[in-house]
Every structure is written in C-alpha cells, then in structure tokens.
Amino acid sequence: SVVDGQLLVFAKVRLADLVYMPKGTANRQTHFNRIQSKHVDFVLSARDKLSPVLVIELDDASHEEESRRDRDTFVDAALTAAGLPILHIPAQRSYVPADLAAAIQQKLQ
C-alpha cells in the first residue's frame, strides 16, 4: 500500500545482485568477496523494467554496534557508487504508511 502498486518490492536481496563490477576491475574478486554475503532489507524496482530504484534498510538497535556501522558505511558506499539511493528507516513495531510513502518519494526525487 505504501508504493500503491507503482513499484515492486523485493525483500532480502543480495548486494551482489545489485552491484556490478565489470571484468578487469582491479581486485575484482576481493571486492566481490566483500559484497557476496551481504543483503539489504528491501529493494524497490520499476515495474516495467524490474530495474532497482531504491534500497531500504531497517535500522534496529544492532545498527549502533561498531561492526554494523562499518558494514552500513560499506554498503552505503557501494550503492552510492552504483548510483542506487538507499533509505535508512528506524525499525519500529508499526509504521504510518503515509510517512513511509513520503520518505520514499523524497528519496526518489
């Protein structure tokens, strides 16, 4: 209901399925090893091309730990390099759909 059927929502997507490293990239295997086991919470994609337009991460208390902050910084940098925006949402028991829709729209513009 938040995206009103205009976008597709995919859950727990591998970072390696979102970030492409062309052959010939220096240290390609090393970079791939860093992304292959990482996942993001949600990916919103255009319905017509199935192309990702936004990543959403739900940040619970574990995201305050140093190791998790390092992981988040790395994932944010990889997605930024790929030209894919990321929206961090604090984890809650429930959400106001209109507030989520507004945050998504703001990030997509």
N, C-alpha and C. Protein backbone atom coordinates (compact mmCIF):
# COMPACT_ATOMS: atom_id res chain seq x y z
N SER A 1 0.82 -1.20 0.00
CA SER A 1 0.00 0.00 0.00
C SER A 1 0.86 1.26 0.00
N VAL A 2 2.07 1.17 0.53
CA VAL A 2 2.94 2.35 0.61
C VAL A 2 3.37 2.81 -0.78
N VAL A 3 3.65 1.88 -1.67
CA VAL A 3 4.07 2.25 -3.03
C VAL A 3 2.90 2.21 -4.01
N ASP A 4 1.72 1.90 -3.51
CA ASP A 4 0.48 1.96 -4.28
C ASP A 4 0.55 1.19 -5.60
N GLY A 5 1.26 0.08 -5.60
CA GLY A 5 1.34 -0.76 -6.78
C GLY A 5 2.19 -0.19 -7.90
N GLN A 6 2.79 0.96 -7.69
CA GLN A 6 3.59 1.59 -8.74
C GLN A 6 4.99 1.00 -8.84
N LEU A 7 5.47 0.42 -7.74
CA LEU A 7 6.78 -0.20 -7.70
C LEU A 7 6.64 -1.62 -7.17
N LEU A 8 7.59 -2.46 -7.52
CA LEU A 8 7.63 -3.81 -6.96
C LEU A 8 8.54 -3.78 -5.74
N VAL A 9 8.23 -4.59 -4.75
CA VAL A 9 9.00 -4.64 -3.52
C VAL A 9 9.61 -6.03 -3.39
N PHE A 10 10.92 -6.08 -3.26
CA PHE A 10 11.63 -7.34 -3.05
C PHE A 10 12.30 -7.29 -1.69
N ALA A 11 12.25 -8.39 -0.96
CA ALA A 11 12.82 -8.46 0.38
C ALA A 11 14.11 -9.29 0.38
N LYS A 12 15.02 -8.90 1.25
CA LYS A 12 16.30 -9.59 1.48
C LYS A 12 17.00 -9.92 0.17
N VAL A 13 17.51 -8.89 -0.46
CA VAL A 13 18.19 -9.01 -1.74
C VAL A 13 19.70 -8.95 -1.51
N ARG A 14 20.42 -9.85 -2.19
CA ARG A 14 21.88 -9.86 -2.06
C ARG A 14 22.47 -8.59 -2.68
N LEU A 15 23.42 -8.01 -2.00
CA LEU A 15 24.11 -6.84 -2.52
C LEU A 15 24.77 -7.17 -3.87
N ALA A 16 25.28 -8.39 -3.99
CA ALA A 16 25.93 -8.80 -5.24
C ALA A 16 24.96 -8.83 -6.42
N ASP A 17 23.66 -8.90 -6.15
CA ASP A 17 22.67 -8.86 -7.23
C ASP A 17 22.32 -7.42 -7.63
N LEU A 18 22.82 -6.46 -6.88
CA LEU A 18 22.53 -5.05 -7.16
C LEU A 18 23.74 -4.29 -7.70
N VAL A 19 24.93 -4.74 -7.33
CA VAL A 19 26.16 -4.04 -7.68
C VAL A 19 26.93 -4.86 -8.70
N TYR A 20 27.28 -4.24 -9.80
CA TYR A 20 28.01 -4.92 -10.87
C TYR A 20 29.43 -4.38 -10.93
N MET A 21 30.38 -5.30 -11.00
CA MET A 21 31.77 -4.91 -11.19
C MET A 21 32.24 -5.49 -12.51
N PRO A 22 32.56 -4.64 -13.47
CA PRO A 22 32.98 -5.15 -14.78
C PRO A 22 34.27 -5.96 -14.69
N LYS A 23 34.40 -6.88 -15.63
CA LYS A 23 35.65 -7.63 -15.73
C LYS A 23 36.77 -6.64 -15.96
N GLY A 24 37.90 -6.92 -15.37
CA GLY A 24 39.03 -6.01 -15.49
C GLY A 24 39.13 -5.03 -14.33
N THR A 25 38.11 -5.01 -13.45
CA THR A 25 38.17 -4.15 -12.27
C THR A 25 39.32 -4.62 -11.38
N ALA A 26 40.14 -3.69 -10.95
CA ALA A 26 41.26 -4.05 -10.07
C ALA A 26 40.72 -4.69 -8.79
N ASN A 27 41.34 -5.79 -8.40
CA ASN A 27 40.94 -6.52 -7.19
C ASN A 27 39.47 -6.93 -7.22
N ARG A 28 38.98 -7.28 -8.39
CA ARG A 28 37.56 -7.62 -8.56
C ARG A 28 37.10 -8.72 -7.60
N GLN A 29 37.87 -9.80 -7.49
CA GLN A 29 37.47 -10.91 -6.61
C GLN A 29 37.43 -10.48 -5.15
N THR A 30 38.37 -9.66 -4.74
CA THR A 30 38.39 -9.16 -3.37
C THR A 30 37.15 -8.34 -3.09
N HIS A 31 36.79 -7.46 -4.03
CA HIS A 31 35.58 -6.65 -3.87
C HIS A 31 34.34 -7.53 -3.85
N PHE A 32 34.30 -8.51 -4.76
CA PHE A 32 33.14 -9.39 -4.80
C PHE A 32 32.99 -10.16 -3.50
N ASN A 33 34.10 -10.60 -2.93
CA ASN A 33 34.05 -11.33 -1.66
C ASN A 33 33.44 -10.48 -0.55
N ARG A 34 33.64 -9.17 -0.61
CA ARG A 34 33.09 -8.28 0.42
C ARG A 34 31.58 -8.09 0.28
N ILE A 35 31.06 -8.25 -0.95
CA ILE A 35 29.62 -8.00 -1.15
C ILE A 35 28.78 -9.26 -1.25
N GLN A 36 29.40 -10.39 -1.54
CA GLN A 36 28.62 -11.58 -1.87
C GLN A 36 27.71 -12.09 -0.75
N SER A 37 28.08 -11.89 0.49
CA SER A 37 27.26 -12.42 1.59
C SER A 37 26.44 -11.35 2.29
N LYS A 38 26.47 -10.14 1.77
CA LYS A 38 25.69 -9.06 2.38
C LYS A 38 24.33 -8.95 1.69
N HIS A 39 23.32 -8.61 2.47
CA HIS A 39 21.96 -8.44 1.96
C HIS A 39 21.42 -7.09 2.41
N VAL A 40 20.46 -6.59 1.66
CA VAL A 40 19.73 -5.39 2.07
C VAL A 40 18.29 -5.84 2.37
N ASP A 41 17.60 -5.05 3.18
CA ASP A 41 16.26 -5.46 3.62
C ASP A 41 15.23 -5.45 2.49
N PHE A 42 15.16 -4.33 1.76
CA PHE A 42 14.17 -4.22 0.69
C PHE A 42 14.76 -3.50 -0.51
N VAL A 43 14.29 -3.88 -1.69
CA VAL A 43 14.62 -3.17 -2.92
C VAL A 43 13.31 -2.84 -3.62
N LEU A 44 13.16 -1.57 -3.98
CA LEU A 44 12.01 -1.15 -4.77
C LEU A 44 12.46 -1.07 -6.22
N SER A 45 11.66 -1.65 -7.11
CA SER A 45 12.02 -1.70 -8.52
C SER A 45 10.90 -1.18 -9.39
N ALA A 46 11.29 -0.61 -10.53
CA ALA A 46 10.32 -0.18 -11.52
C ALA A 46 9.60 -1.41 -12.06
N ARG A 47 8.30 -1.30 -12.24
CA ARG A 47 7.50 -2.43 -12.70
C ARG A 47 7.82 -2.81 -14.14
N ASP A 48 8.10 -1.83 -14.98
CA ASP A 48 8.26 -2.10 -16.40
C ASP A 48 9.57 -2.79 -16.75
N LYS A 49 10.65 -2.45 -16.08
CA LYS A 49 11.97 -3.00 -16.41
C LYS A 49 12.58 -3.85 -15.31
N LEU A 50 11.91 -3.91 -14.18
CA LEU A 50 12.46 -4.58 -12.99
C LEU A 50 13.80 -3.99 -12.58
N SER A 51 14.02 -2.74 -12.91
CA SER A 51 15.28 -2.09 -12.53
C SER A 51 15.14 -1.50 -11.13
N PRO A 52 16.13 -1.73 -10.27
CA PRO A 52 16.06 -1.21 -8.90
C PRO A 52 16.12 0.32 -8.91
N VAL A 53 15.30 0.93 -8.06
CA VAL A 53 15.29 2.39 -7.96
C VAL A 53 15.62 2.88 -6.55
N LEU A 54 15.46 2.01 -5.55
CA LEU A 54 15.72 2.42 -4.17
C LEU A 54 15.93 1.19 -3.29
N VAL A 55 16.90 1.30 -2.38
CA VAL A 55 17.14 0.28 -1.37
C VAL A 55 16.65 0.84 -0.04
N ILE A 56 15.96 0.00 0.73
CA ILE A 56 15.51 0.40 2.06
C ILE A 56 16.13 -0.54 3.09
N GLU A 57 16.76 0.06 4.09
CA GLU A 57 17.32 -0.70 5.20
C GLU A 57 16.57 -0.31 6.46
N LEU A 58 16.12 -1.30 7.21
CA LEU A 58 15.50 -1.06 8.51
C LEU A 58 16.61 -1.13 9.56
N ASP A 59 16.79 -0.06 10.27
CA ASP A 59 17.88 0.02 11.24
C ASP A 59 17.35 -0.20 12.65
N ASP A 60 17.67 -1.39 13.20
CA ASP A 60 17.30 -1.67 14.59
C ASP A 60 18.49 -1.34 15.48
N ALA A 61 18.41 -1.72 16.74
CA ALA A 61 19.46 -1.37 17.70
C ALA A 61 20.82 -1.94 17.31
N SER A 62 20.85 -3.05 16.58
CA SER A 62 22.13 -3.64 16.19
C SER A 62 22.94 -2.71 15.29
N HIS A 63 22.29 -1.79 14.62
CA HIS A 63 22.98 -0.87 13.72
C HIS A 63 23.80 0.17 14.48
N GLU A 64 23.70 0.18 15.80
CA GLU A 64 24.50 1.09 16.61
C GLU A 64 25.85 0.48 16.98
N GLU A 65 26.00 -0.84 16.79
CA GLU A 65 27.26 -1.51 17.08
C GLU A 65 28.31 -1.12 16.05
N GLU A 66 29.55 -1.03 16.47
CA GLU A 66 30.61 -0.57 15.58
C GLU A 66 30.74 -1.43 14.32
N SER A 67 30.69 -2.75 14.48
CA SER A 67 30.84 -3.62 13.31
C SER A 67 29.69 -3.42 12.33
N ARG A 68 28.51 -3.19 12.84
CA ARG A 68 27.35 -2.97 11.98
C ARG A 68 27.43 -1.59 11.31
N ARG A 69 27.94 -0.60 12.03
CA ARG A 69 28.12 0.73 11.42
C ARG A 69 29.13 0.65 10.29
N ASP A 70 30.20 -0.14 10.48
CA ASP A 70 31.19 -0.32 9.42
C ASP A 70 30.55 -0.99 8.21
N ARG A 71 29.73 -2.00 8.45
CA ARG A 71 29.03 -2.69 7.37
C ARG A 71 28.10 -1.73 6.64
N ASP A 72 27.35 -0.94 7.39
CA ASP A 72 26.42 0.01 6.78
C ASP A 72 27.16 1.06 5.94
N THR A 73 28.29 1.54 6.43
CA THR A 73 29.08 2.50 5.68
C THR A 73 29.56 1.90 4.37
N PHE A 74 30.03 0.65 4.42
CA PHE A 74 30.48 -0.03 3.22
C PHE A 74 29.34 -0.22 2.23
N VAL A 75 28.20 -0.71 2.70
CA VAL A 75 27.04 -0.93 1.82
C VAL A 75 26.56 0.38 1.21
N ASP A 76 26.47 1.42 2.03
CA ASP A 76 26.06 2.73 1.52
C ASP A 76 27.00 3.20 0.41
N ALA A 77 28.31 3.03 0.62
CA ALA A 77 29.30 3.47 -0.38
C ALA A 77 29.18 2.66 -1.67
N ALA A 78 28.97 1.35 -1.54
CA ALA A 78 28.83 0.51 -2.72
C ALA A 78 27.58 0.90 -3.52
N LEU A 79 26.48 1.14 -2.82
CA LEU A 79 25.25 1.52 -3.51
C LEU A 79 25.36 2.91 -4.13
N THR A 80 26.01 3.82 -3.44
CA THR A 80 26.22 5.16 -3.99
C THR A 80 27.07 5.08 -5.25
N ALA A 81 28.13 4.27 -5.22
CA ALA A 81 28.98 4.10 -6.40
C ALA A 81 28.19 3.51 -7.57
N ALA A 82 27.19 2.69 -7.25
CA ALA A 82 26.35 2.08 -8.29
C ALA A 82 25.21 3.01 -8.72
N GLY A 83 25.10 4.17 -8.06
CA GLY A 83 24.04 5.10 -8.42
C GLY A 83 22.68 4.71 -7.91
N LEU A 84 22.65 3.90 -6.86
CA LEU A 84 21.38 3.43 -6.30
C LEU A 84 21.18 4.04 -4.92
N PRO A 85 20.14 4.86 -4.76
CA PRO A 85 19.92 5.50 -3.45
C PRO A 85 19.48 4.50 -2.39
N ILE A 86 19.80 4.84 -1.14
CA ILE A 86 19.43 3.99 -0.01
C ILE A 86 18.70 4.86 1.03
N LEU A 87 17.67 4.29 1.58
CA LEU A 87 16.87 4.97 2.61
C LEU A 87 16.94 4.15 3.88
N HIS A 88 17.45 4.76 4.95
CA HIS A 88 17.52 4.10 6.25
C HIS A 88 16.28 4.49 7.04
N ILE A 89 15.55 3.50 7.52
CA ILE A 89 14.33 3.71 8.30
C ILE A 89 14.55 3.07 9.67
N PRO A 90 14.34 3.81 10.75
CA PRO A 90 14.45 3.18 12.08
C PRO A 90 13.39 2.08 12.23
N ALA A 91 13.81 0.92 12.71
CA ALA A 91 12.89 -0.19 12.91
C ALA A 91 11.90 0.15 14.02
N GLN A 92 10.64 -0.15 13.75
CA GLN A 92 9.57 0.12 14.71
C GLN A 92 8.58 -1.04 14.67
N ARG A 93 7.69 -1.09 15.66
CA ARG A 93 6.63 -2.10 15.67
C ARG A 93 5.64 -1.88 14.54
N SER A 94 5.35 -0.61 14.26
CA SER A 94 4.41 -0.30 13.18
C SER A 94 4.83 1.03 12.55
N TYR A 95 4.29 1.27 11.37
CA TYR A 95 4.64 2.45 10.60
C TYR A 95 3.38 3.13 10.10
N VAL A 96 3.50 4.42 9.86
CA VAL A 96 2.42 5.18 9.24
C VAL A 96 2.67 5.13 7.74
N PRO A 97 1.82 4.45 6.98
CA PRO A 97 2.07 4.30 5.54
C PRO A 97 2.31 5.62 4.81
N ALA A 98 1.58 6.66 5.17
CA ALA A 98 1.77 7.95 4.50
C ALA A 98 3.16 8.51 4.76
N ASP A 99 3.69 8.31 5.97
CA ASP A 99 5.03 8.79 6.30
C ASP A 99 6.09 8.02 5.50
N LEU A 100 5.91 6.70 5.39
CA LEU A 100 6.85 5.90 4.59
C LEU A 100 6.79 6.31 3.13
N ALA A 101 5.58 6.50 2.60
CA ALA A 101 5.42 6.91 1.21
C ALA A 101 6.11 8.24 0.96
N ALA A 102 5.98 9.18 1.89
CA ALA A 102 6.61 10.49 1.74
C ALA A 102 8.13 10.37 1.76
N ALA A 103 8.67 9.55 2.66
CA ALA A 103 10.12 9.36 2.74
C ALA A 103 10.65 8.73 1.45
N ILE A 104 9.92 7.76 0.92
CA ILE A 104 10.32 7.10 -0.33
C ILE A 104 10.29 8.11 -1.48
N GLN A 105 9.21 8.86 -1.59
CA GLN A 105 9.10 9.85 -2.66
C GLN A 105 10.22 10.88 -2.58
N GLN A 106 10.52 11.33 -1.38
CA GLN A 106 11.58 12.33 -1.21
C GLN A 106 12.91 11.75 -1.67
N LYS A 107 13.19 10.52 -1.33
CA LYS A 107 14.46 9.89 -1.69
C LYS A 107 14.56 9.65 -3.20
N LEU A 108 13.44 9.40 -3.84
CA LEU A 108 13.42 9.12 -5.28
C LEU A 108 13.55 10.39 -6.13
N GLN A 109 13.32 11.54 -5.53
CA GLN A 109 13.41 12.78 -6.33
C GLN A 109 14.78 13.36 -6.35
